[in-house]
N, C-alpha and C. Protein backbone atom coordinates (compact mmCIF):
# COMPACT_ATOMS: atom_id res chain seq x y z
N MET A 1 -52.22 39.74 -59.82
CA MET A 1 -51.32 38.71 -59.34
C MET A 1 -51.41 38.65 -57.83
N ASN A 2 -51.34 37.47 -57.29
CA ASN A 2 -51.44 37.25 -55.85
C ASN A 2 -50.08 37.56 -55.21
N PRO A 3 -50.00 38.58 -54.33
CA PRO A 3 -48.70 38.93 -53.75
C PRO A 3 -48.12 37.87 -52.84
N SER A 4 -48.94 36.95 -52.32
CA SER A 4 -48.41 35.91 -51.42
C SER A 4 -47.71 34.80 -52.19
N ARG A 5 -47.96 34.72 -53.50
CA ARG A 5 -47.33 33.69 -54.31
C ARG A 5 -46.03 34.23 -54.91
N ALA A 6 -44.93 33.58 -54.62
CA ALA A 6 -43.64 34.02 -55.14
C ALA A 6 -43.51 33.62 -56.60
N THR A 7 -42.85 34.46 -57.37
CA THR A 7 -42.62 34.12 -58.77
C THR A 7 -41.39 33.22 -58.86
N ALA A 8 -41.41 32.37 -59.85
CA ALA A 8 -40.30 31.43 -60.04
C ALA A 8 -39.07 32.19 -60.52
N PRO A 9 -37.90 31.78 -60.06
CA PRO A 9 -36.67 32.43 -60.54
C PRO A 9 -36.44 32.10 -62.02
N MET A 10 -35.88 33.04 -62.72
CA MET A 10 -35.53 32.84 -64.12
C MET A 10 -34.06 32.42 -64.18
N VAL A 11 -33.80 31.34 -64.90
CA VAL A 11 -32.43 30.83 -65.04
C VAL A 11 -32.10 30.71 -66.52
N ASP A 12 -30.82 30.62 -66.83
CA ASP A 12 -30.38 30.41 -68.20
C ASP A 12 -30.39 28.92 -68.50
N CYS A 13 -30.93 28.55 -69.64
CA CYS A 13 -30.89 27.16 -70.09
C CYS A 13 -29.41 26.79 -70.26
N PRO A 14 -28.96 25.69 -69.65
CA PRO A 14 -27.54 25.31 -69.76
C PRO A 14 -27.09 25.02 -71.19
N ALA A 15 -28.02 24.66 -72.06
CA ALA A 15 -27.64 24.30 -73.43
C ALA A 15 -27.62 25.50 -74.38
N CYS A 16 -28.66 26.34 -74.33
CA CYS A 16 -28.75 27.43 -75.32
C CYS A 16 -28.69 28.83 -74.71
N GLY A 17 -28.84 28.93 -73.39
CA GLY A 17 -28.75 30.23 -72.74
C GLY A 17 -30.05 31.00 -72.67
N ARG A 18 -31.13 30.48 -73.23
CA ARG A 18 -32.43 31.16 -73.19
C ARG A 18 -32.92 31.24 -71.74
N LYS A 19 -33.56 32.34 -71.38
CA LYS A 19 -34.13 32.50 -70.04
C LYS A 19 -35.35 31.60 -69.92
N VAL A 20 -35.45 30.88 -68.79
CA VAL A 20 -36.56 29.97 -68.56
C VAL A 20 -36.91 29.98 -67.07
N ALA A 21 -38.20 29.86 -66.77
CA ALA A 21 -38.64 29.84 -65.37
C ALA A 21 -38.27 28.51 -64.74
N PHE A 22 -37.66 28.56 -63.57
CA PHE A 22 -37.29 27.34 -62.85
C PHE A 22 -38.43 27.02 -61.88
N GLU A 23 -39.42 26.29 -62.39
CA GLU A 23 -40.61 25.96 -61.61
C GLU A 23 -41.10 24.58 -62.00
N PRO A 24 -41.91 23.95 -61.14
CA PRO A 24 -42.40 22.60 -61.43
C PRO A 24 -43.19 22.50 -62.73
N ALA A 25 -43.81 23.57 -63.17
CA ALA A 25 -44.57 23.54 -64.42
C ALA A 25 -43.67 23.35 -65.63
N ASN A 26 -42.40 23.66 -65.51
CA ASN A 26 -41.45 23.45 -66.61
C ASN A 26 -40.92 22.03 -66.50
N ARG A 27 -41.43 21.15 -67.31
CA ARG A 27 -41.07 19.73 -67.19
C ARG A 27 -39.64 19.42 -67.61
N TRP A 28 -38.95 20.36 -68.25
CA TRP A 28 -37.57 20.12 -68.68
C TRP A 28 -36.56 20.91 -67.85
N ARG A 29 -36.98 21.52 -66.77
CA ARG A 29 -36.08 22.39 -66.00
C ARG A 29 -34.80 21.69 -65.63
N PRO A 30 -33.68 22.29 -65.64
CA PRO A 30 -33.41 23.70 -65.90
C PRO A 30 -33.31 24.04 -67.39
N PHE A 31 -33.65 23.09 -68.27
CA PHE A 31 -33.57 23.33 -69.70
C PHE A 31 -34.86 24.00 -70.18
N CYS A 32 -34.81 24.59 -71.37
CA CYS A 32 -35.98 25.27 -71.90
C CYS A 32 -36.86 24.35 -72.73
N SER A 33 -36.30 23.21 -73.18
CA SER A 33 -37.06 22.32 -74.06
C SER A 33 -36.50 20.90 -74.00
N GLN A 34 -37.27 19.99 -74.55
CA GLN A 34 -36.84 18.59 -74.67
C GLN A 34 -35.56 18.51 -75.51
N ARG A 35 -35.48 19.32 -76.56
CA ARG A 35 -34.31 19.31 -77.43
C ARG A 35 -33.05 19.67 -76.66
N CYS A 36 -33.09 20.75 -75.88
CA CYS A 36 -31.91 21.17 -75.12
C CYS A 36 -31.52 20.11 -74.09
N LYS A 37 -32.49 19.49 -73.48
CA LYS A 37 -32.22 18.43 -72.51
C LYS A 37 -31.52 17.25 -73.19
N THR A 38 -31.99 16.88 -74.38
CA THR A 38 -31.41 15.77 -75.12
C THR A 38 -30.01 16.10 -75.63
N VAL A 39 -29.81 17.34 -76.08
CA VAL A 39 -28.48 17.77 -76.53
C VAL A 39 -27.48 17.65 -75.39
N ASP A 40 -27.87 18.08 -74.19
CA ASP A 40 -26.99 18.01 -73.03
C ASP A 40 -26.69 16.56 -72.64
N LEU A 41 -27.70 15.71 -72.68
CA LEU A 41 -27.49 14.29 -72.38
C LEU A 41 -26.53 13.67 -73.38
N GLY A 42 -26.68 14.03 -74.65
CA GLY A 42 -25.77 13.52 -75.67
C GLY A 42 -24.33 13.98 -75.44
N ALA A 43 -24.18 15.21 -74.96
CA ALA A 43 -22.82 15.71 -74.67
C ALA A 43 -22.19 14.90 -73.54
N TRP A 44 -22.97 14.59 -72.51
CA TRP A 44 -22.44 13.76 -71.42
C TRP A 44 -22.09 12.37 -71.94
N ALA A 45 -22.96 11.79 -72.76
CA ALA A 45 -22.74 10.43 -73.26
C ALA A 45 -21.51 10.34 -74.17
N SER A 46 -21.18 11.42 -74.86
CA SER A 46 -20.02 11.41 -75.75
C SER A 46 -18.76 11.94 -75.08
N ASN A 47 -18.79 12.09 -73.76
CA ASN A 47 -17.65 12.56 -72.97
C ASN A 47 -17.22 13.98 -73.33
N ALA A 48 -18.17 14.83 -73.74
CA ALA A 48 -17.85 16.22 -74.02
C ALA A 48 -17.56 16.97 -72.71
N TYR A 49 -18.15 16.50 -71.63
CA TYR A 49 -17.90 17.07 -70.30
C TYR A 49 -16.95 16.13 -69.57
N VAL A 50 -15.88 16.67 -69.01
CA VAL A 50 -14.89 15.85 -68.33
C VAL A 50 -14.60 16.45 -66.97
N VAL A 51 -14.59 15.61 -65.96
CA VAL A 51 -14.21 16.03 -64.62
C VAL A 51 -12.75 15.65 -64.44
N SER A 52 -11.92 16.64 -64.15
CA SER A 52 -10.50 16.34 -64.02
C SER A 52 -10.24 15.56 -62.74
N ALA A 53 -9.17 14.80 -62.76
CA ALA A 53 -8.79 13.97 -61.63
C ALA A 53 -7.32 14.20 -61.30
N THR A 54 -6.93 13.82 -60.09
CA THR A 54 -5.53 13.91 -59.72
C THR A 54 -4.77 12.77 -60.38
N ALA A 55 -3.47 12.81 -60.36
CA ALA A 55 -2.65 11.80 -61.03
C ALA A 55 -2.94 10.40 -60.51
N SER A 56 -3.08 10.23 -59.20
CA SER A 56 -3.32 8.89 -58.66
C SER A 56 -4.71 8.39 -59.03
N GLU A 57 -5.68 9.29 -59.20
CA GLU A 57 -7.01 8.86 -59.62
C GLU A 57 -7.00 8.44 -61.08
N GLU A 58 -6.19 9.10 -61.90
CA GLU A 58 -6.11 8.76 -63.31
C GLU A 58 -5.49 7.40 -63.53
N THR A 59 -4.47 7.07 -62.76
CA THR A 59 -3.80 5.79 -62.94
C THR A 59 -4.49 4.67 -62.18
N GLY A 60 -5.27 5.02 -61.18
CA GLY A 60 -5.94 4.01 -60.37
C GLY A 60 -5.03 3.40 -59.33
N ARG A 61 -3.81 3.91 -59.21
CA ARG A 61 -2.86 3.37 -58.24
C ARG A 61 -2.94 4.16 -56.96
N GLU A 62 -3.09 3.46 -55.87
CA GLU A 62 -3.16 4.11 -54.56
C GLU A 62 -1.81 4.11 -53.86
N ASP A 63 -0.83 3.43 -54.43
CA ASP A 63 0.47 3.33 -53.75
C ASP A 63 1.39 4.50 -54.10
N GLU A 64 0.93 5.45 -54.89
CA GLU A 64 1.74 6.61 -55.20
C GLU A 64 1.75 7.53 -53.98
N ALA A 65 2.93 7.83 -53.51
CA ALA A 65 3.07 8.63 -52.29
C ALA A 65 2.88 10.11 -52.58
N ASP A 66 2.20 10.77 -51.67
CA ASP A 66 2.05 12.22 -51.74
C ASP A 66 3.27 12.82 -51.06
N PRO A 67 4.09 13.62 -51.75
CA PRO A 67 5.31 14.15 -51.15
C PRO A 67 5.05 15.09 -49.97
N ASP A 68 3.87 15.67 -49.89
CA ASP A 68 3.55 16.57 -48.78
C ASP A 68 2.87 15.87 -47.61
N ALA A 69 2.57 14.61 -47.76
CA ALA A 69 1.88 13.88 -46.70
C ALA A 69 2.84 13.49 -45.59
N ALA A 70 2.30 13.41 -44.38
CA ALA A 70 3.11 12.98 -43.23
C ALA A 70 3.40 11.49 -43.37
N PRO A 71 4.57 11.06 -42.90
CA PRO A 71 4.89 9.62 -42.99
C PRO A 71 3.96 8.82 -42.10
N PRO A 72 3.73 7.56 -42.44
CA PRO A 72 2.87 6.73 -41.62
C PRO A 72 3.49 6.50 -40.23
N ARG A 73 2.62 6.38 -39.23
CA ARG A 73 3.10 6.16 -37.87
C ARG A 73 3.18 4.67 -37.58
N MET A 74 4.16 4.30 -36.78
CA MET A 74 4.34 2.91 -36.38
C MET A 74 3.42 2.64 -35.19
N LEU A 75 2.80 1.48 -35.19
CA LEU A 75 1.98 1.07 -34.06
C LEU A 75 2.85 0.40 -33.03
N ASP A 76 2.59 0.66 -31.76
CA ASP A 76 3.38 0.04 -30.67
C ASP A 76 2.97 -1.37 -30.41
């Protein structure tokens, strides 16, 4: 093995947990296979993954006041 060439880091496949090399030769990285990549995409498409939001983001209303915020300043 050529000591000047670094080895690719090994990462866990996000879908199945199998160890896989994170390198350009792995066309499905960070996944281990086309199947795991597709399973993950399907989970996103079916809303299995959810990013939580604050109350004002959930309602879409921007006029809800933050009780800890400073009051608006008057312009002279």
